[in-house]
């Protein structure tokens, strides 16, 4: 249950990590359906955690503590690289049988995080070429009309 609480970004996830003395986290960015694990954006936006590895499929975050600052200084990568890595991995997922609805929605959200609305729109259009999905059509309309932030 604690694992689910942490990976799901549930209330108290930080306390679970503190309770067990966790100083680093290695995890996949997305589950097998192509959905981003809720803990990933939480860690990416938390100054108490540094990103030291990302390839889109896996990430490694290290707790920003005095004893780990030297390691972080030597290995930290900008958290802003994470959305581009996730975009590439979500695209790869489309060749593995993951729902294009989920994969392209993930890509679109990452482009929005990067401030690139046009690429977010292109992602949804590519998805609609593969599958005629009402959710994607609605999301595309929102973005084309200048509405909408990244979906959660």
N, C-alpha and C. Protein backbone atom coordinates (compact mmCIF):
# COMPACT_ATOMS: atom_id res chain seq x y z
N UNK A 1 0.83 -1.19 0.00
CA UNK A 1 0.00 0.00 0.00
C UNK A 1 0.87 1.26 0.00
N UNK A 2 2.01 1.20 0.71
CA UNK A 2 2.90 2.35 0.72
C UNK A 2 3.48 2.60 -0.67
N UNK A 3 3.82 1.52 -1.36
CA UNK A 3 4.34 1.66 -2.72
C UNK A 3 3.32 2.37 -3.60
N UNK A 4 2.07 1.96 -3.52
CA UNK A 4 1.01 2.59 -4.31
C UNK A 4 0.83 4.05 -3.92
N UNK A 5 0.92 4.33 -2.64
CA UNK A 5 0.80 5.70 -2.17
C UNK A 5 1.89 6.59 -2.75
N UNK A 6 3.11 6.06 -2.79
CA UNK A 6 4.23 6.85 -3.32
C UNK A 6 4.13 6.99 -4.83
N UNK A 7 4.05 5.88 -5.57
CA UNK A 7 4.03 5.99 -7.03
C UNK A 7 2.79 6.71 -7.53
N UNK A 8 1.70 6.61 -6.77
CA UNK A 8 0.48 7.32 -7.14
C UNK A 8 0.45 8.76 -6.69
N UNK A 9 1.51 9.20 -5.98
CA UNK A 9 1.56 10.58 -5.51
C UNK A 9 0.46 10.89 -4.52
N UNK A 10 0.03 9.87 -3.78
CA UNK A 10 -1.06 10.05 -2.82
C UNK A 10 -0.64 10.87 -1.61
N UNK A 11 -1.62 11.30 -0.87
CA UNK A 11 -1.35 12.09 0.33
C UNK A 11 -0.37 11.34 1.23
N UNK A 12 0.64 12.04 1.67
CA UNK A 12 1.62 11.45 2.58
C UNK A 12 2.75 10.71 1.92
N UNK A 13 2.89 10.80 0.62
CA UNK A 13 3.97 10.08 -0.06
C UNK A 13 5.34 10.49 0.48
N UNK A 14 5.49 11.78 0.81
CA UNK A 14 6.78 12.25 1.34
C UNK A 14 7.09 11.58 2.69
N UNK A 15 6.07 11.45 3.53
CA UNK A 15 6.26 10.82 4.85
C UNK A 15 6.69 9.36 4.72
N UNK A 16 6.15 8.66 3.73
CA UNK A 16 6.53 7.27 3.51
C UNK A 16 8.02 7.19 3.18
N UNK A 17 8.48 8.07 2.30
CA UNK A 17 9.89 8.06 1.92
C UNK A 17 10.78 8.42 3.11
N UNK A 18 10.37 9.40 3.89
CA UNK A 18 11.14 9.78 5.07
C UNK A 18 11.18 8.64 6.09
N UNK A 19 10.05 8.01 6.29
CA UNK A 19 9.94 6.90 7.25
C UNK A 19 10.96 5.80 6.95
N UNK A 20 11.17 5.53 5.66
CA UNK A 20 12.07 4.46 5.25
C UNK A 20 13.48 4.97 4.91
N UNK A 21 13.73 6.26 5.12
CA UNK A 21 15.05 6.81 4.86
C UNK A 21 15.46 6.79 3.39
N UNK A 22 14.49 6.91 2.49
CA UNK A 22 14.77 6.85 1.05
C UNK A 22 15.53 8.11 0.64
N UNK A 23 16.68 7.90 0.00
CA UNK A 23 17.49 9.02 -0.48
C UNK A 23 17.56 9.06 -2.00
N UNK A 24 17.11 8.01 -2.67
CA UNK A 24 17.05 8.03 -4.13
C UNK A 24 15.89 7.16 -4.60
N UNK A 25 15.39 7.49 -5.77
CA UNK A 25 14.26 6.77 -6.35
C UNK A 25 14.59 6.45 -7.80
N UNK A 26 14.47 5.19 -8.16
CA UNK A 26 14.63 4.72 -9.54
C UNK A 26 13.27 4.19 -9.97
N UNK A 27 12.71 4.75 -11.01
CA UNK A 27 11.40 4.27 -11.44
C UNK A 27 11.15 4.55 -12.90
N UNK A 28 10.20 3.82 -13.45
CA UNK A 28 9.75 4.07 -14.82
C UNK A 28 8.94 5.37 -14.80
N UNK A 29 8.98 6.09 -15.91
CA UNK A 29 8.20 7.32 -15.99
C UNK A 29 6.73 7.02 -16.25
N UNK A 30 6.46 5.91 -16.98
CA UNK A 30 5.10 5.58 -17.37
C UNK A 30 4.79 4.13 -17.01
N UNK A 31 3.52 3.88 -16.76
CA UNK A 31 3.11 2.50 -16.55
C UNK A 31 2.93 1.82 -17.91
N UNK A 32 2.54 0.58 -17.92
CA UNK A 32 2.44 -0.18 -19.16
C UNK A 32 1.35 0.33 -20.09
N UNK A 33 0.45 1.15 -19.58
CA UNK A 33 -0.60 1.71 -20.44
C UNK A 33 -0.15 3.00 -21.11
N UNK A 34 1.01 3.53 -20.70
CA UNK A 34 1.50 4.79 -21.27
C UNK A 34 1.17 6.00 -20.43
N UNK A 35 0.56 5.79 -19.26
CA UNK A 35 0.23 6.91 -18.37
C UNK A 35 1.45 7.24 -17.51
N UNK A 36 1.72 8.52 -17.36
CA UNK A 36 2.84 8.95 -16.52
C UNK A 36 2.50 8.65 -15.06
N UNK A 37 3.44 8.05 -14.36
CA UNK A 37 3.23 7.79 -12.93
C UNK A 37 3.09 9.13 -12.21
N UNK A 38 2.07 9.31 -11.41
CA UNK A 38 1.84 10.59 -10.75
C UNK A 38 3.02 11.11 -9.92
N UNK A 39 3.85 10.23 -9.41
CA UNK A 39 4.98 10.67 -8.60
C UNK A 39 6.02 11.41 -9.45
N UNK A 40 6.11 11.12 -10.74
CA UNK A 40 7.15 11.73 -11.58
C UNK A 40 7.03 13.25 -11.63
N UNK A 41 5.87 13.81 -11.97
CA UNK A 41 5.81 15.28 -11.97
C UNK A 41 5.96 15.87 -10.56
N UNK A 42 5.53 15.14 -9.55
CA UNK A 42 5.71 15.65 -8.18
C UNK A 42 7.19 15.78 -7.85
N UNK A 43 7.96 14.76 -8.16
CA UNK A 43 9.40 14.82 -7.91
C UNK A 43 10.08 15.87 -8.80
N UNK A 44 9.63 15.95 -10.05
CA UNK A 44 10.22 16.91 -10.99
C UNK A 44 9.99 18.35 -10.55
N UNK A 45 8.93 18.59 -9.80
CA UNK A 45 8.62 19.95 -9.35
C UNK A 45 9.02 20.20 -7.90
N UNK A 46 9.66 19.24 -7.28
CA UNK A 46 10.03 19.36 -5.87
C UNK A 46 11.51 19.71 -5.75
N UNK A 47 11.85 20.86 -5.19
CA UNK A 47 13.26 21.25 -5.07
C UNK A 47 14.05 20.35 -4.11
N UNK A 48 13.35 19.53 -3.34
CA UNK A 48 14.03 18.61 -2.43
C UNK A 48 14.56 17.36 -3.14
N UNK A 49 14.26 17.23 -4.44
CA UNK A 49 14.71 16.09 -5.22
C UNK A 49 15.39 16.57 -6.49
N UNK A 50 16.54 15.97 -6.81
CA UNK A 50 17.30 16.32 -8.01
C UNK A 50 17.22 15.17 -9.00
N UNK A 51 17.11 15.50 -10.27
CA UNK A 51 17.10 14.51 -11.33
C UNK A 51 18.55 14.23 -11.74
N UNK A 52 18.97 12.97 -11.67
CA UNK A 52 20.34 12.62 -12.03
C UNK A 52 20.41 11.68 -13.22
N UNK A 53 19.27 11.13 -13.65
CA UNK A 53 19.22 10.29 -14.84
C UNK A 53 17.82 10.33 -15.42
N UNK A 54 17.76 10.38 -16.75
CA UNK A 54 16.48 10.30 -17.44
C UNK A 54 16.73 9.86 -18.87
N UNK A 55 16.00 8.85 -19.29
CA UNK A 55 16.03 8.48 -20.71
C UNK A 55 14.61 8.35 -21.26
N UNK A 56 13.64 8.84 -20.53
CA UNK A 56 12.25 8.74 -20.94
C UNK A 56 11.56 7.52 -20.37
N UNK A 57 12.26 6.41 -20.35
CA UNK A 57 11.69 5.19 -19.79
C UNK A 57 11.90 5.15 -18.28
N UNK A 58 13.13 5.44 -17.85
CA UNK A 58 13.46 5.44 -16.43
C UNK A 58 13.99 6.81 -16.00
N UNK A 59 13.80 7.10 -14.74
CA UNK A 59 14.37 8.30 -14.12
C UNK A 59 14.98 7.91 -12.79
N UNK A 60 15.97 8.69 -12.38
CA UNK A 60 16.55 8.53 -11.05
C UNK A 60 16.55 9.91 -10.41
N UNK A 61 15.88 10.00 -9.27
CA UNK A 61 15.86 11.22 -8.47
C UNK A 61 16.64 10.96 -7.19
N UNK A 62 17.40 11.96 -6.75
CA UNK A 62 18.17 11.86 -5.51
C UNK A 62 17.69 12.96 -4.57
N UNK A 63 17.50 12.60 -3.31
CA UNK A 63 17.07 13.58 -2.32
C UNK A 63 18.18 14.62 -2.12
N UNK A 64 17.78 15.87 -2.13
CA UNK A 64 18.72 16.98 -1.98
C UNK A 64 19.02 17.17 -0.49
N UNK A 65 20.04 16.43 -0.02
CA UNK A 65 20.45 16.53 1.39
C UNK A 65 21.91 16.99 1.42
N UNK A 66 22.36 17.53 2.55
CA UNK A 66 23.75 18.00 2.62
C UNK A 66 24.76 16.91 2.24
N UNK A 67 24.56 15.67 2.68
CA UNK A 67 25.53 14.63 2.38
C UNK A 67 25.50 14.17 0.91
N UNK A 68 24.45 14.48 0.18
CA UNK A 68 24.37 14.09 -1.23
C UNK A 68 24.59 15.25 -2.20
N UNK A 69 24.83 16.44 -1.70
CA UNK A 69 24.98 17.61 -2.58
C UNK A 69 26.17 17.48 -3.53
N UNK A 70 27.26 16.86 -3.08
CA UNK A 70 28.40 16.65 -3.97
C UNK A 70 28.05 15.74 -5.13
N UNK A 71 27.34 14.66 -4.83
CA UNK A 71 26.90 13.74 -5.87
C UNK A 71 25.95 14.45 -6.84
N UNK A 72 25.02 15.20 -6.28
CA UNK A 72 24.06 15.92 -7.12
C UNK A 72 24.77 16.91 -8.01
N UNK A 73 25.72 17.65 -7.44
CA UNK A 73 26.45 18.64 -8.23
C UNK A 73 27.16 17.99 -9.42
N UNK A 74 27.69 16.80 -9.21
CA UNK A 74 28.42 16.10 -10.26
C UNK A 74 27.51 15.46 -11.31
N UNK A 75 26.26 15.12 -10.94
CA UNK A 75 25.43 14.31 -11.84
C UNK A 75 24.07 14.91 -12.21
N UNK A 76 23.69 16.00 -11.59
CA UNK A 76 22.35 16.54 -11.84
C UNK A 76 22.17 16.95 -13.29
N UNK A 77 20.99 16.65 -13.81
CA UNK A 77 20.61 17.11 -15.15
C UNK A 77 19.38 17.98 -14.99
N UNK A 78 19.20 18.95 -15.87
CA UNK A 78 18.04 19.84 -15.74
C UNK A 78 16.73 19.08 -15.83
N UNK A 79 15.84 19.36 -14.90
CA UNK A 79 14.53 18.70 -14.91
C UNK A 79 13.74 19.03 -16.16
N UNK A 80 14.08 20.13 -16.81
CA UNK A 80 13.40 20.53 -18.04
C UNK A 80 13.62 19.57 -19.20
N UNK A 81 14.61 18.68 -19.08
CA UNK A 81 14.83 17.69 -20.14
C UNK A 81 13.81 16.55 -20.07
N UNK A 82 13.20 16.38 -18.93
CA UNK A 82 12.29 15.26 -18.71
C UNK A 82 11.12 15.21 -19.70
N UNK A 83 10.42 16.32 -19.97
CA UNK A 83 9.30 16.22 -20.92
C UNK A 83 9.72 15.72 -22.31
N UNK A 84 10.87 16.16 -22.82
CA UNK A 84 11.32 15.69 -24.14
C UNK A 84 11.63 14.19 -24.10
N UNK A 85 12.23 13.74 -23.03
CA UNK A 85 12.50 12.30 -22.91
C UNK A 85 11.20 11.51 -22.87
N UNK A 86 10.22 12.01 -22.14
CA UNK A 86 8.93 11.31 -22.05
C UNK A 86 8.22 11.31 -23.40
N UNK A 87 8.32 12.39 -24.14
CA UNK A 87 7.71 12.45 -25.48
C UNK A 87 8.28 11.32 -26.35
N UNK A 88 9.59 11.19 -26.36
CA UNK A 88 10.22 10.14 -27.18
C UNK A 88 9.77 8.75 -26.73
N UNK A 89 9.69 8.56 -25.43
CA UNK A 89 9.30 7.24 -24.93
C UNK A 89 7.82 6.96 -25.23
N UNK A 90 6.96 7.96 -25.08
CA UNK A 90 5.54 7.77 -25.39
C UNK A 90 5.36 7.43 -26.87
N UNK A 91 6.13 8.08 -27.73
CA UNK A 91 6.08 7.77 -29.16
C UNK A 91 6.50 6.32 -29.38
N UNK A 92 7.55 5.91 -28.71
CA UNK A 92 8.01 4.52 -28.80
C UNK A 92 6.91 3.56 -28.36
N UNK A 93 6.16 3.93 -27.32
CA UNK A 93 5.07 3.08 -26.82
C UNK A 93 4.02 2.81 -27.90
N UNK A 94 3.85 3.75 -28.84
CA UNK A 94 2.84 3.54 -29.88
C UNK A 94 3.17 2.34 -30.74
N UNK A 95 4.45 1.95 -30.80
CA UNK A 95 4.85 0.79 -31.58
C UNK A 95 4.79 -0.50 -30.76
N UNK A 96 4.48 -0.36 -29.47
CA UNK A 96 4.43 -1.51 -28.59
C UNK A 96 3.00 -1.93 -28.25
N UNK A 97 2.05 -1.32 -28.93
CA UNK A 97 0.66 -1.71 -28.72
C UNK A 97 -0.07 -0.90 -27.66
N UNK A 98 0.57 0.13 -27.13
CA UNK A 98 -0.11 1.00 -26.17
C UNK A 98 -1.15 1.82 -26.91
N UNK A 99 -2.24 2.10 -26.26
CA UNK A 99 -3.31 2.88 -26.87
C UNK A 99 -2.78 4.21 -27.41
N UNK A 100 -3.04 4.50 -28.68
CA UNK A 100 -2.62 5.80 -29.21
C UNK A 100 -3.30 6.95 -28.48
N UNK A 101 -4.47 6.71 -27.93
CA UNK A 101 -5.16 7.76 -27.17
C UNK A 101 -4.30 8.20 -26.00
N UNK A 102 -3.80 7.24 -25.25
CA UNK A 102 -2.98 7.55 -24.07
C UNK A 102 -1.62 8.08 -24.49
N UNK A 103 -0.97 7.42 -25.43
CA UNK A 103 0.39 7.81 -25.82
C UNK A 103 0.42 9.23 -26.39
N UNK A 104 -0.48 9.53 -27.30
CA UNK A 104 -0.47 10.86 -27.91
C UNK A 104 -0.96 11.94 -26.95
N UNK A 105 -1.86 11.57 -26.05
CA UNK A 105 -2.28 12.52 -25.02
C UNK A 105 -1.09 12.86 -24.12
N UNK A 106 -0.30 11.86 -23.77
CA UNK A 106 0.90 12.09 -22.97
C UNK A 106 1.86 13.01 -23.72
N UNK A 107 2.09 12.74 -25.00
CA UNK A 107 2.98 13.59 -25.79
C UNK A 107 2.45 15.02 -25.84
N UNK A 108 1.16 15.16 -26.08
CA UNK A 108 0.55 16.49 -26.15
C UNK A 108 0.75 17.24 -24.83
N UNK A 109 0.52 16.57 -23.72
CA UNK A 109 0.71 17.22 -22.42
C UNK A 109 2.15 17.66 -22.20
N UNK A 110 3.10 16.83 -22.63
CA UNK A 110 4.51 17.18 -22.45
C UNK A 110 4.88 18.39 -23.31
N UNK A 111 4.35 18.44 -24.54
CA UNK A 111 4.59 19.62 -25.38
C UNK A 111 4.01 20.87 -24.74
N UNK A 112 2.84 20.74 -24.12
CA UNK A 112 2.26 21.90 -23.44
C UNK A 112 3.14 22.34 -22.27
N UNK A 113 3.69 21.39 -21.54
CA UNK A 113 4.60 21.74 -20.45
C UNK A 113 5.82 22.49 -20.96
N UNK A 114 6.24 22.14 -22.18
CA UNK A 114 7.38 22.82 -22.80
C UNK A 114 6.99 24.15 -23.43
N UNK A 115 5.69 24.46 -23.40
CA UNK A 115 5.22 25.71 -23.99
C UNK A 115 5.05 25.66 -25.50
N UNK A 116 4.95 24.47 -26.06
CA UNK A 116 4.85 24.31 -27.51
C UNK A 116 3.46 23.80 -27.89
N UNK A 117 2.51 24.72 -27.92
CA UNK A 117 1.11 24.38 -28.21
C UNK A 117 0.96 23.76 -29.61
N UNK A 118 1.71 24.26 -30.59
CA UNK A 118 1.59 23.75 -31.96
C UNK A 118 1.97 22.28 -32.04
N UNK A 119 3.03 21.89 -31.36
CA UNK A 119 3.42 20.46 -31.35
C UNK A 119 2.40 19.63 -30.58
N UNK A 120 1.82 20.21 -29.53
CA UNK A 120 0.77 19.51 -28.79
C UNK A 120 -0.41 19.23 -29.71
N UNK A 121 -0.78 20.20 -30.51
CA UNK A 121 -1.88 20.05 -31.46
C UNK A 121 -1.52 19.00 -32.51
N UNK A 122 -0.29 19.05 -33.03
CA UNK A 122 0.15 18.06 -34.03
C UNK A 122 0.08 16.65 -33.46
N UNK A 123 0.44 16.48 -32.20
CA UNK A 123 0.38 15.16 -31.58
C UNK A 123 -1.04 14.62 -31.60
N UNK A 124 -1.99 15.46 -31.25
CA UNK A 124 -3.38 15.02 -31.23
C UNK A 124 -3.90 14.74 -32.64
N UNK A 125 -3.47 15.52 -33.59
CA UNK A 125 -3.88 15.25 -34.98
C UNK A 125 -3.33 13.91 -35.46
N UNK A 126 -2.07 13.61 -35.12
CA UNK A 126 -1.48 12.31 -35.49
C UNK A 126 -2.28 11.17 -34.85
N UNK A 127 -2.67 11.37 -33.61
CA UNK A 127 -3.45 10.33 -32.93
C UNK A 127 -4.77 10.09 -33.64
N UNK A 128 -5.42 11.17 -34.05
CA UNK A 128 -6.72 11.04 -34.71
C UNK A 128 -6.60 10.38 -36.08
N UNK A 129 -5.41 10.40 -36.67
CA UNK A 129 -5.18 9.66 -37.92
C UNK A 129 -5.19 8.16 -37.65
N UNK A 130 -4.84 7.78 -36.42
CA UNK A 130 -4.78 6.36 -36.06
C UNK A 130 -6.09 5.85 -35.46
N UNK A 131 -6.74 6.71 -34.68
CA UNK A 131 -7.95 6.27 -33.98
C UNK A 131 -8.91 7.46 -33.86
N UNK A 132 -10.16 7.21 -34.21
CA UNK A 132 -11.17 8.26 -34.13
C UNK A 132 -11.76 8.25 -32.73
N UNK A 133 -11.17 9.07 -31.87
CA UNK A 133 -11.56 9.06 -30.46
C UNK A 133 -12.19 10.39 -30.06
N UNK A 134 -13.39 10.37 -29.46
CA UNK A 134 -14.07 11.62 -29.10
C UNK A 134 -13.30 12.45 -28.07
N UNK A 135 -12.62 11.80 -27.13
CA UNK A 135 -11.84 12.56 -26.15
C UNK A 135 -10.73 13.34 -26.85
N UNK A 136 -10.01 12.68 -27.76
CA UNK A 136 -8.93 13.36 -28.47
C UNK A 136 -9.46 14.50 -29.34
N UNK A 137 -10.60 14.27 -29.99
CA UNK A 137 -11.19 15.34 -30.81
C UNK A 137 -11.52 16.55 -29.95
N UNK A 138 -12.13 16.28 -28.77
CA UNK A 138 -12.48 17.38 -27.87
C UNK A 138 -11.25 18.11 -27.35
N UNK A 139 -10.22 17.34 -27.01
CA UNK A 139 -8.98 17.95 -26.51
C UNK A 139 -8.32 18.78 -27.60
N UNK A 140 -8.32 18.28 -28.83
CA UNK A 140 -7.76 19.01 -29.95
C UNK A 140 -8.51 20.33 -30.16
N UNK A 141 -9.84 20.27 -30.10
CA UNK A 141 -10.63 21.50 -30.25
C UNK A 141 -10.26 22.52 -29.18
N UNK A 142 -10.11 22.07 -27.93
CA UNK A 142 -9.71 22.97 -26.84
C UNK A 142 -8.40 23.67 -27.17
N UNK A 143 -7.42 22.89 -27.58
CA UNK A 143 -6.10 23.46 -27.84
C UNK A 143 -6.12 24.39 -29.05
N UNK A 144 -6.86 24.01 -30.08
CA UNK A 144 -6.94 24.85 -31.27
C UNK A 144 -7.63 26.18 -30.96
N UNK A 145 -8.51 26.18 -29.97
CA UNK A 145 -9.19 27.41 -29.57
C UNK A 145 -8.40 28.18 -28.51
N UNK A 146 -7.20 27.71 -28.21
CA UNK A 146 -6.35 28.42 -27.26
C UNK A 146 -6.65 28.12 -25.81
N UNK A 147 -7.44 27.08 -25.56
CA UNK A 147 -7.79 26.72 -24.19
C UNK A 147 -6.96 25.53 -23.75
N UNK A 148 -6.98 25.29 -22.49
CA UNK A 148 -6.44 24.05 -21.97
C UNK A 148 -4.98 24.08 -21.58
N UNK A 149 -4.74 23.60 -20.41
CA UNK A 149 -3.40 23.35 -19.91
C UNK A 149 -3.17 21.85 -19.99
N UNK A 150 -2.00 21.37 -19.63
CA UNK A 150 -1.80 19.92 -19.64
C UNK A 150 -2.85 19.19 -18.81
N UNK A 151 -3.42 18.14 -19.38
CA UNK A 151 -4.40 17.34 -18.65
C UNK A 151 -3.70 16.56 -17.56
N UNK A 152 -4.34 16.35 -16.45
CA UNK A 152 -3.75 15.59 -15.33
C UNK A 152 -4.25 14.19 -15.36
